[in-house]
C-alpha atoms as a PDB file:
ATOM      1  CA  MET A   1     138.070 274.596  80.975  1.00  0.00           C
ATOM      2  CA  ALA A   2     134.672 273.579  79.434  1.00  0.00           C
ATOM      3  CA  LYS A   3     132.261 271.880  81.714  1.00  0.00           C
ATOM      4  CA  LYS A   4     131.004 268.468  81.208  1.00  0.00           C
ATOM      5  CA  ALA A   5     127.017 267.464  80.568  1.00  0.00           C
ATOM      6  CA  THR A   6     125.491 265.847  83.179  1.00  0.00           C
ATOM      7  CA  ALA A   7     122.687 263.284  81.446  1.00  0.00           C
ATOM      8  CA  GLU A   8     120.374 262.304  83.712  1.00  0.00           C
ATOM      9  CA  THR A   9     118.422 259.065  83.375  1.00  0.00           C
ATOM     10  CA  THR A  10     114.794 258.462  84.710  1.00  0.00           C
ATOM     11  CA  VAL A  11     113.430 255.073  85.035  1.00  0.00           C
ATOM     12  CA  GLU A  12     109.867 254.876  85.299  1.00  0.00           C
ATOM     13  CA  VAL A  13     108.535 252.124  87.375  1.00  0.00           C
ATOM     14  CA  ALA A  14     105.185 251.072  87.312  1.00  0.00           C
ATOM     15  CA  PRO A  15     103.128 251.286  90.543  1.00  0.00           C
ATOM     16  CA  GLN A  16     103.341 247.884  92.822  1.00  0.00           C
ATOM     17  CA  PRO A  17      99.963 246.842  94.346  1.00  0.00           C
ATOM     18  CA  VAL A  18      99.898 246.968  98.095  1.00  0.00           C
ATOM     19  CA  VAL A  19      99.614 243.416  99.447  1.00  0.00           C
ATOM     20  CA  THR A  20      97.903 242.844 102.363  1.00  0.00           C
ATOM     21  CA  LYS A  21      97.534 239.437 104.049  1.00  0.00           C
ATOM     22  CA  THR A  22      94.115 238.450 105.223  1.00  0.00           C
ATOM     23  CA  PRO A  23      94.401 236.954 108.321  1.00  0.00           C
ATOM     24  CA  PRO A  24      93.107 232.891 108.079  1.00  0.00           C
ATOM     25  CA  LYS A  25      89.316 232.676 109.421  1.00  0.00           C
ATOM     26  CA  PRO A  26      89.554 230.176 112.178  1.00  0.00           C
ATOM     27  CA  ALA A  27      88.155 226.835 111.730  1.00  0.00           C
ATOM     28  CA  LYS A  28      84.308 226.744 112.504  1.00  0.00           C
ATOM     29  CA  ASP A  29      83.835 224.454 116.245  1.00  0.00           C
ATOM     30  CA  ALA A  30      81.877 221.289 114.869  1.00  0.00           C
ATOM     31  CA  TRP A  31      80.065 221.170 118.457  1.00  0.00           C
ATOM     32  CA  GLU A  32      76.627 222.827 117.805  1.00  0.00           C
ATOM     33  CA  ILE A  33      74.979 224.085 120.570  1.00  0.00           C
ATOM     34  CA  LYS A  34      71.287 223.021 120.549  1.00  0.00           C
ATOM     35  CA  ASP A  35      68.920 220.241 122.214  1.00  0.00           C
ATOM     36  CA  ARG A  36      69.402 217.044 121.532  1.00  0.00           C
ATOM     37  CA  VAL A  37      67.767 213.544 121.616  1.00  0.00           C
ATOM     38  CA  TYR A  38      69.113 210.120 122.469  1.00  0.00           C
ATOM     39  CA  TYR A  39      67.045 207.051 121.935  1.00  0.00           C
ATOM     40  CA  LEU A  40      67.532 203.190 122.949  1.00  0.00           C
ATOM     41  CA  LYS A  41      68.541 201.034 119.900  1.00  0.00           C
ATOM     42  CA  GLY A  42      66.393 198.340 118.491  1.00  0.00           C
ATOM     43  CA  ASN A  43      63.159 200.246 118.959  1.00  0.00           C
ATOM     44  CA  LYS A  44      63.693 199.419 122.501  1.00  0.00           C
ATOM     45  CA  SER A  45      61.382 201.522 124.946  1.00  0.00           C
ATOM     46  CA  PRO A  46      61.627 200.530 128.410  1.00  0.00           C
ATOM     47  CA  LEU A  47      59.837 202.663 131.116  1.00  0.00           C
ATOM     48  CA  THR A  48      63.015 203.976 132.665  1.00  0.00           C
ATOM     49  CA  LEU A  49      66.869 202.721 131.921  1.00  0.00           C
ATOM     50  CA  THR A  50      69.733 204.162 133.517  1.00  0.00           C
ATOM     51  CA  ILE A  51      72.806 204.078 131.945  1.00  0.00           C
ATOM     52  CA  PRO A  52      76.623 204.781 133.792  1.00  0.00           C
ATOM     53  CA  GLY A  53      77.551 207.961 134.538  1.00  0.00           C
ATOM     54  CA  LYS A  54      80.854 207.315 136.329  1.00  0.00           C
ATOM     55  CA  HIS A  55      83.764 205.201 136.234  1.00  0.00           C
ATOM     56  CA  THR A  56      83.911 202.175 138.471  1.00  0.00           C
ATOM     57  CA  LYS A  57      85.261 198.804 138.829  1.00  0.00           C
ATOM     58  CA  LYS A  58      81.949 197.012 137.575  1.00  0.00           C
ATOM     59  CA  HIS A  59      81.270 199.518 134.483  1.00  0.00           C
ATOM     60  CA  SER A  60      84.016 201.267 132.841  1.00  0.00           C
ATOM     61  CA  LEU A  61      83.980 205.037 132.081  1.00  0.00           C
ATOM     62  CA  LEU A  62      86.895 205.897 130.236  1.00  0.00           C
ATOM     63  CA  TYR A  63      87.781 207.919 126.463  1.00  0.00           C
ATOM     64  CA  PHE A  64      91.097 207.056 125.108  1.00  0.00           C
ATOM     65  CA  ASP A  65      92.698 210.883 124.062  1.00  0.00           C
ATOM     66  CA  GLU A  66      94.542 209.921 121.220  1.00  0.00           C
ATOM     67  CA  LYS A  67      96.663 213.604 121.642  1.00  0.00           C
ATOM     68  CA  THR A  68      98.240 212.860 125.206  1.00  0.00           C
ATOM     69  CA  GLY A  69      97.983 209.200 124.539  1.00  0.00           C
ATOM     70  CA  ARG A  70      96.293 208.368 128.158  1.00  0.00           C
ATOM     71  CA  GLN A  71      93.226 206.842 129.064  1.00  0.00           C
ATOM     72  CA  ARG A  72      90.889 209.963 130.465  1.00  0.00           C
ATOM     73  CA  GLU A  73      88.200 209.340 133.120  1.00  0.00           C
ATOM     74  CA  LEU A  74      84.928 210.430 132.703  1.00  0.00           C
ATOM     75  CA  ARG A  75      82.099 211.149 135.405  1.00  0.00           C
ATOM     76  CA  TYR A  76      78.229 213.243 134.744  1.00  0.00           C
ATOM     77  CA  ALA A  77      78.798 216.013 137.337  1.00  0.00           C
ATOM     78  CA  THR A  78      75.561 218.371 137.268  1.00  0.00           C
ATOM     79  CA  ASN A  79      78.082 221.169 138.912  1.00  0.00           C
ATOM     80  CA  GLN A  80      80.731 220.521 136.319  1.00  0.00           C
ATOM     81  CA  SER A  81      81.304 222.143 132.550  1.00  0.00           C
ATOM     82  CA  SER A  82      83.465 218.830 131.461  1.00  0.00           C
ATOM     83  CA  PRO A  83      82.585 215.564 131.514  1.00  0.00           C
ATOM     84  CA  PHE A  84      85.989 214.838 131.829  1.00  0.00           C
ATOM     85  CA  VAL A  85      87.549 214.407 135.852  1.00  0.00           C
ATOM     86  CA  ASP A  86      91.181 215.650 135.514  1.00  0.00           C
ATOM     87  CA  GLU A  87      88.992 218.911 134.069  1.00  0.00           C
ATOM     88  CA  GLN A  88      86.960 219.055 137.268  1.00  0.00           C
ATOM     89  CA  LYS A  89      87.105 221.514 139.931  1.00  0.00           C
ATOM     90  CA  GLY A  90      85.867 221.241 143.473  1.00  0.00           C
ATOM     91  CA  GLU A  91      83.480 219.215 145.024  1.00  0.00           C
ATOM     92  CA  ALA A  92      81.124 217.173 142.096  1.00  0.00           C
ATOM     93  CA  THR A  93      77.772 216.772 142.930  1.00  0.00           C
ATOM     94  CA  MET A  94      76.627 213.389 140.516  1.00  0.00           C
ATOM     95  CA  GLY A  95      73.955 212.838 138.430  1.00  0.00           C
ATOM     96  CA  HIS A  96      71.689 209.918 136.907  1.00  0.00           C
ATOM     97  CA  ILE A  97      71.960 209.366 133.185  1.00  0.00           C
ATOM     98  CA  ARG A  98      68.335 207.854 132.999  1.00  0.00           C
ATOM     99  CA  PHE A  99      66.268 207.206 129.611  1.00  0.00           C
ATOM    100  CA  HIS A 100      62.695 207.450 129.847  1.00  0.00           C
ATOM    101  CA  ASN A 101      60.284 205.383 127.382  1.00  0.00           C
ATOM    102  CA  GLY A 102      63.772 204.408 125.031  1.00  0.00           C
ATOM    103  CA  SER A 103      64.468 208.199 124.798  1.00  0.00           C
ATOM    104  CA  LEU A 104      66.426 211.106 126.827  1.00  0.00           C
ATOM    105  CA  THR A 105      66.326 214.339 126.268  1.00  0.00           C
ATOM    106  CA  VAL A 106      68.904 216.873 127.048  1.00  0.00           C
ATOM    107  CA  SER A 107      68.693 220.869 126.829  1.00  0.00           C
ATOM    108  CA  LYS A 108      71.191 222.888 125.298  1.00  0.00           C
ATOM    109  CA  GLN A 109      72.293 224.339 128.807  1.00  0.00           C
ATOM    110  CA  GLN A 110      73.592 220.774 129.685  1.00  0.00           C
ATOM    111  CA  GLN A 111      76.790 220.964 127.679  1.00  0.00           C
ATOM    112  CA  SER A 112      78.597 218.410 130.156  1.00  0.00           C
ATOM    113  CA  LEU A 113      75.918 216.284 129.551  1.00  0.00           C
ATOM    114  CA  GLN A 114      75.717 216.326 126.025  1.00  0.00           C
ATOM    115  CA  LYS A 115      79.511 216.362 125.323  1.00  0.00           C
ATOM    116  CA  LEU A 116      79.419 213.016 127.235  1.00  0.00           C
ATOM    117  CA  LEU A 117      76.742 211.067 125.579  1.00  0.00           C
ATOM    118  CA  SER A 118      77.672 212.820 121.699  1.00  0.00           C
ATOM    119  CA  LEU A 119      81.183 212.012 121.984  1.00  0.00           C
ATOM    120  CA  TYR A 120      82.855 210.079 124.369  1.00  0.00           C
ATOM    121  CA  HIS A 121      80.104 207.931 126.483  1.00  0.00           C
ATOM    122  CA  PRO A 122      81.443 203.584 125.210  1.00  0.00           C
ATOM    123  CA  LEU A 123      78.172 202.831 124.950  1.00  0.00           C
ATOM    124  CA  LYS A 124      77.192 205.167 122.227  1.00  0.00           C
ATOM    125  CA  GLY A 125      76.429 202.955 118.886  1.00  0.00           C
ATOM    126  CA  LYS A 126      75.878 200.050 121.066  1.00  0.00           C
ATOM    127  CA  LEU A 127      73.296 200.882 123.267  1.00  0.00           C
ATOM    128  CA  TYR A 128      71.943 204.234 122.316  1.00  0.00           C
ATOM    129  CA  GLU A 129      72.398 206.803 119.157  1.00  0.00           C
ATOM    130  CA  GLU A 130      71.767 210.655 119.098  1.00  0.00           C
ATOM    131  CA  PHE A 131      68.672 211.685 116.859  1.00  0.00           C
ATOM    132  CA  SER A 132      69.670 213.002 113.464  1.00  0.00           C
ATOM    133  CA  ALA A 133      67.147 214.765 111.492  1.00  0.00           C
ATOM    134  CA  GLN A 134      69.678 214.319 108.310  1.00  0.00           C
ATOM    135  CA  GLU A 135      70.076 210.736 109.061  1.00  0.00           C
ATOM    136  CA  LYS A 136      66.882 210.214 109.280  1.00  0.00           C
ATOM    137  CA  ALA A 137      65.618 211.971 106.461  1.00  0.00           C
ATOM    138  CA  VAL A 138      68.266 209.795 104.560  1.00  0.00           C
ATOM    139  CA  ASP A 139      66.797 206.977 105.830  1.00  0.00           C
ATOM    140  CA  GLU A 140      63.667 207.753 105.194  1.00  0.00           C
ATOM    141  CA  LEU A 141      64.645 208.306 101.006  1.00  0.00           C
ATOM    142  CA  ASP A 142      66.519 205.001 101.002  1.00  0.00           C
ATOM    143  CA  LEU A 143      63.442 203.634 102.427  1.00  0.00           C
ATOM    144  CA  LEU A 144      61.116 205.105  99.880  1.00  0.00           C
ATOM    145  CA  SER A 145      63.167 204.402  97.131  1.00  0.00           C
ATOM    146  CA  LEU A 146      63.109 200.273  98.650  1.00  0.00           C
ATOM    147  CA  GLN A 147      59.665 200.747  98.085  1.00  0.00           C
ATOM    148  CA  ILE A 148      58.926 201.860  94.916  1.00  0.00           C
ATOM    149  CA  ASP A 149      61.515 199.234  93.873  1.00  0.00           C
ATOM    150  CA  ALA A 150      59.548 196.513  95.360  1.00  0.00           C
ATOM    151  CA  LEU A 151      55.917 197.741  94.469  1.00  0.00           C
ATOM    152  CA  ASN A 152      57.131 198.241  90.824  1.00  0.00           C
ATOM    153  CA  ALA A 153      57.952 194.486  90.903  1.00  0.00           C
ATOM    154  CA  ALA A 154      55.284 193.204  92.261  1.00  0.00           C
ATOM    155  CA  ARG A 155      52.832 195.302  89.978  1.00  0.00           C
ATOM    156  CA  ASP A 156      54.570 193.387  87.240  1.00  0.00           C
ATOM    157  CA  MET A 157      54.769 190.093  88.762  1.00  0.00           C
ATOM    158  CA  ASP A 158      52.911 187.142  87.305  1.00  0.00           C
ATOM    159  CA  ILE A 159      50.479 185.550  89.303  1.00  0.00           C
ATOM    160  CA  ASP A 160      52.445 182.229  89.961  1.00  0.00           C
ATOM    161  CA  GLN A 161      55.337 184.256  91.914  1.00  0.00           C
ATOM    162  CA  VAL A 162      52.955 186.338  94.128  1.00  0.00           C
ATOM    163  CA  GLU A 163      51.006 183.171  95.271  1.00  0.00           C
ATOM    164  CA  ALA A 164      54.431 181.920  96.228  1.00  0.00           C
ATOM    165  CA  ILE A 165      55.280 184.792  97.431  1.00  0.00           C
ATOM    166  CA  LEU A 166      51.825 185.295  99.668  1.00  0.00           C
ATOM    167  CA  ARG A 167      52.507 181.593 100.772  1.00  0.00           C
ATOM    168  CA  VAL A 168      55.536 182.034 102.492  1.00  0.00           C
ATOM    169  CA  GLU A 169      53.494 184.816 104.989  1.00  0.00           C
ATOM    170  CA  LYS A 170      49.882 183.753 105.038  1.00  0.00           C
ATOM    171  CA  GLY A 171      50.398 179.878 104.078  1.00  0.00           C
ATOM    172  CA  SER A 172      48.014 177.515 102.579  1.00  0.00           C
ATOM    173  CA  VAL A 173      44.927 179.926 102.933  1.00  0.00           C
ATOM    174  CA  VAL A 174      46.240 181.829  99.193  1.00  0.00           C
ATOM    175  CA  GLY A 175      44.829 178.880  97.800  1.00  0.00           C
ATOM    176  CA  GLU A 176      41.180 179.946  98.253  1.00  0.00           C
ATOM    177  CA  MET A 177      42.339 183.613  97.226  1.00  0.00           C
ATOM    178  CA  SER A 178      40.584 185.320  93.768  1.00  0.00           C
ATOM    179  CA  SER A 179      43.643 186.941  91.221  1.00  0.00           C
ATOM    180  CA  LYS A 180      42.778 190.755  92.653  1.00  0.00           C
ATOM    181  CA  GLU A 181      43.020 189.617  96.015  1.00  0.00           C
ATOM    182  CA  LEU A 182      46.441 188.513  95.418  1.00  0.00           C
ATOM    183  CA  LYS A 183      47.923 190.881  93.384  1.00  0.00           C
ATOM    184  CA  ARG A 184      46.404 193.310  96.237  1.00  0.00           C
ATOM    185  CA  ASP A 185      47.926 191.777  99.490  1.00  0.00           C
ATOM    186  CA  VAL A 186      51.324 191.148  97.228  1.00  0.00           C
ATOM    187  CA  LEU A 187      51.419 195.257  96.670  1.00  0.00           C
ATOM    188  CA  LEU A 188      50.377 195.954 100.495  1.00  0.00           C
ATOM    189  CA  PHE A 189      53.638 193.324 101.596  1.00  0.00           C
ATOM    190  CA  ALA A 190      55.876 195.180  98.915  1.00  0.00           C
ATOM    191  CA  ARG A 191      54.464 198.190 100.377  1.00  0.00           C
ATOM    192  CA  ASN A 192      55.049 197.493 103.772  1.00  0.00           C
ATOM    193  CA  ASN A 193      57.829 194.835 103.769  1.00  0.00           C
ATOM    194  CA  PRO A 194      60.000 195.725 100.907  1.00  0.00           C
ATOM    195  CA  GLN A 195      63.260 194.142 101.719  1.00  0.00           C
ATOM    196  CA  LEU A 196      61.240 191.043 102.566  1.00  0.00           C
ATOM    197  CA  PHE A 197      59.864 191.177  99.248  1.00  0.00           C
ATOM    198  CA  ILE A 198      62.549 191.457  96.951  1.00  0.00           C
ATOM    199  CA  ASN A 199      64.495 188.593  98.859  1.00  0.00           C
ATOM    200  CA  LEU A 200      62.096 186.570  98.267  1.00  0.00           C
ATOM    201  CA  ALA A 201      61.228 187.399  94.311  1.00  0.00           C
ATOM    202  CA  ASN A 202      64.710 186.946  94.002  1.00  0.00           C
ATOM    203  CA  ASP A 203      64.654 183.624  96.266  1.00  0.00           C
ATOM    204  CA  ASP A 204      64.304 180.360  93.583  1.00  0.00           C
ATOM    205  CA  ASN A 205      63.546 178.177  96.070  1.00  0.00           C
ATOM    206  CA  VAL A 206      60.000 179.931  96.771  1.00  0.00           C
ATOM    207  CA  GLN A 207      58.736 179.277  93.714  1.00  0.00           C
ATOM    208  CA  LEU A 208      59.677 175.774  93.797  1.00  0.00           C
ATOM    209  CA  ARG A 209      58.361 175.596  97.524  1.00  0.00           C
ATOM    210  CA  ASN A 210      54.890 176.779  96.452  1.00  0.00           C
ATOM    211  CA  ILE A 211      54.700 173.845  93.607  1.00  0.00           C
ATOM    212  CA  ALA A 212      55.280 171.606  96.009  1.00  0.00           C
ATOM    213  CA  ILE A 213      52.965 172.577  98.178  1.00  0.00           C
ATOM    214  CA  ARG A 214      50.563 173.317  95.074  1.00  0.00           C
ATOM    215  CA  ALA A 215      51.186 169.550  93.773  1.00  0.00           C
ATOM    216  CA  ALA A 216      50.220 168.044  97.395  1.00  0.00           C
ATOM    217  CA  GLU A 217      46.986 170.242  97.758  1.00  0.00           C
ATOM    218  CA  ALA A 218      46.806 168.850  94.315  1.00  0.00           C
ATOM    219  CA  GLY A 219      47.300 165.348  95.110  1.00  0.00           C
ATOM    220  CA  VAL A 220      49.894 164.608  92.844  1.00  0.00           C
ATOM    221  CA  ILE A 221      52.533 164.044  95.750  1.00  0.00           C
ATOM    222  CA  LYS A 222      52.132 163.117  99.016  1.00  0.00           C
ATOM    223  CA  LEU A 223      53.824 163.467 102.252  1.00  0.00           C
ATOM    224  CA  SER A 224      53.690 160.881 104.822  1.00  0.00           C
ATOM    225  CA  SER A 225      51.962 161.542 107.808  1.00  0.00           C
ATOM    226  CA  ASP A 226      54.952 161.759 109.585  1.00  0.00           C
ATOM    227  CA  GLN A 227      56.337 164.177 107.189  1.00  0.00           C
ATOM    228  CA  ARG A 228      59.680 162.418 106.591  1.00  0.00           C
ATOM    229  CA  THR A 229      58.735 160.918 102.691  1.00  0.00           C
ATOM    230  CA  PHE A 230      57.395 162.201  99.477  1.00  0.00           C
ATOM    231  CA  THR A 231      55.354 160.063  96.961  1.00  0.00           C
ATOM    232  CA  TRP A 232      53.616 160.630  93.778  1.00  0.00           C
ATOM    233  CA  GLY A 233      49.658 160.851  94.593  1.00  0.00           C
ATOM    234  CA  SER A 234      48.907 158.259  91.710  1.00  0.00           C
ATOM    235  CA  ASN A 235      50.491 155.113  92.765  1.00  0.00           C
ATOM    236  CA  GLY A 236      52.633 155.352  96.026  1.00  0.00           C
ATOM    237  CA  ARG A 237      56.269 155.648  94.575  1.00  0.00           C
ATOM    238  CA  LYS A 238      58.731 156.811  97.187  1.00  0.00           C
ATOM    239  CA  LEU A 239      60.156 160.020  95.287  1.00  0.00           C
ATOM    240  CA  MET A 240      62.376 161.245  98.425  1.00  0.00           C
ATOM    241  CA  ASN A 241      63.266 161.466 101.865  1.00  0.00           C
ATOM    242  CA  VAL A 242      63.278 164.441 103.979  1.00  0.00           C
ATOM    243  CA  PRO A 243      66.255 165.301 105.636  1.00  0.00           C
ATOM    244  CA  PHE A 244      66.275 165.574 109.710  1.00  0.00           C
ATOM    245  CA  ASP A 245      65.253 168.738 110.924  1.00  0.00           C
ATOM    246  CA  GLU A 246      64.116 170.403 107.954  1.00  0.00           C
ATOM    247  CA  ASN A 247      61.105 172.021 106.135  1.00  0.00           C
ATOM    248  CA  PRO A 248      59.959 169.333 103.828  1.00  0.00           C
ATOM    249  CA  TYR A 249      58.610 170.986 101.039  1.00  0.00           C
ATOM    250  CA  SER A 250      61.819 173.380 101.564  1.00  0.00           C
ATOM    251  CA  ALA A 251      63.499 170.175 101.449  1.00  0.00           C
ATOM    252  CA  PHE A 252      61.687 169.298  98.191  1.00  0.00           C
ATOM    253  CA  ALA A 253      61.989 172.676  96.551  1.00  0.00           C
ATOM    254  CA  ALA A 254      66.082 171.837  96.737  1.00  0.00           C
ATOM    255  CA  PHE A 255      65.428 168.283  95.485  1.00  0.00           C
ATOM    256  CA  LEU A 256      64.013 169.719  92.285  1.00  0.00           C
ATOM    257  CA  LYS A 257      67.053 171.096  91.555  1.00  0.00           C
ATOM    258  CA  THR A 258      69.098 168.277  91.601  1.00  0.00           C
ATOM    259  CA  ASP A 259      69.421 166.021  87.975  1.00  0.00           C
ATOM    260  CA  GLU A 260      66.579 163.637  89.237  1.00  0.00           C
ATOM    261  CA  GLY A 261      64.284 166.299  90.627  1.00  0.00           C
ATOM    262  CA  VAL A 262      64.849 168.380  87.377  1.00  0.00           C
ATOM    263  CA  GLU A 263      62.335 165.698  85.647  1.00  0.00           C
ATOM    264  CA  ILE A 264      60.409 165.468  88.349  1.00  0.00           C
ATOM    265  CA  TYR A 265      59.547 168.893  88.272  1.00  0.00           C
ATOM    266  CA  LYS A 266      58.953 168.586  84.340  1.00  0.00           C
ATOM    267  CA  SER A 267      55.855 166.437  85.087  1.00  0.00           C
ATOM    268  CA  ILE A 268      54.528 167.859  88.790  1.00  0.00           C
ATOM    269  CA  ASP A 269      54.324 170.622  86.173  1.00  0.00           C
ATOM    270  CA  LYS A 270      52.384 169.613  83.677  1.00  0.00           C
ATOM    271  CA  LYS A 271      49.773 167.794  85.443  1.00  0.00           C
ATOM    272  CA  LEU A 272      49.423 170.876  87.940  1.00  0.00           C
END
């Protein structure tokens, strides 16, 4: 009996790459070990200022833990590694948190105090802040940009508007200054107080107030001795009464923007 031939079929399979799973890298701890400096807000620099270092009835020192949903008591103990009372063990040696001349430097070895001040203390952001070189650089960049804008505006400003702005700062002395002195002083003003300068430059009332003062100095209008009434200098006809408890020239500037005041403004402008 004839043997049946057996056919063998070989299937070639391409080699599969070996997949190795790389374990995820642990998230980098956002807390950096370094020396830290804290400063009182508002440029305050008392000789010494002590802030609460433990929870009392008079000074609440609690932190709400969102993970556990409960309030946790805080305490600065020099011999403990955590600012939380529930994590401290044994006898606690209490320390003082004291600012000297408006600032407090905390070395990197004092991690408990640093975390209390940087992360948990309720007075952070209200009474004091932590110094940040990056935030300071951003603030300085914003200030430089503001100064550039103010200086460019001051350089291109006409002399009447320059006089109006400087009169707010210097008063009637600007009437005796030369145009070069005015230009110099307005550039210095724009550099030293850029935000105030820009605010004044965009305030219509500043220009109108200056016109009122110039008109009074030139005798075009007169302000009564009690500073309650403006009249024409030529005939004494009353122009307006100053509302109670208002600066007379600010009130007159507002008056010049009314329908009646527009015509008076045109008349004053021609005489000046």
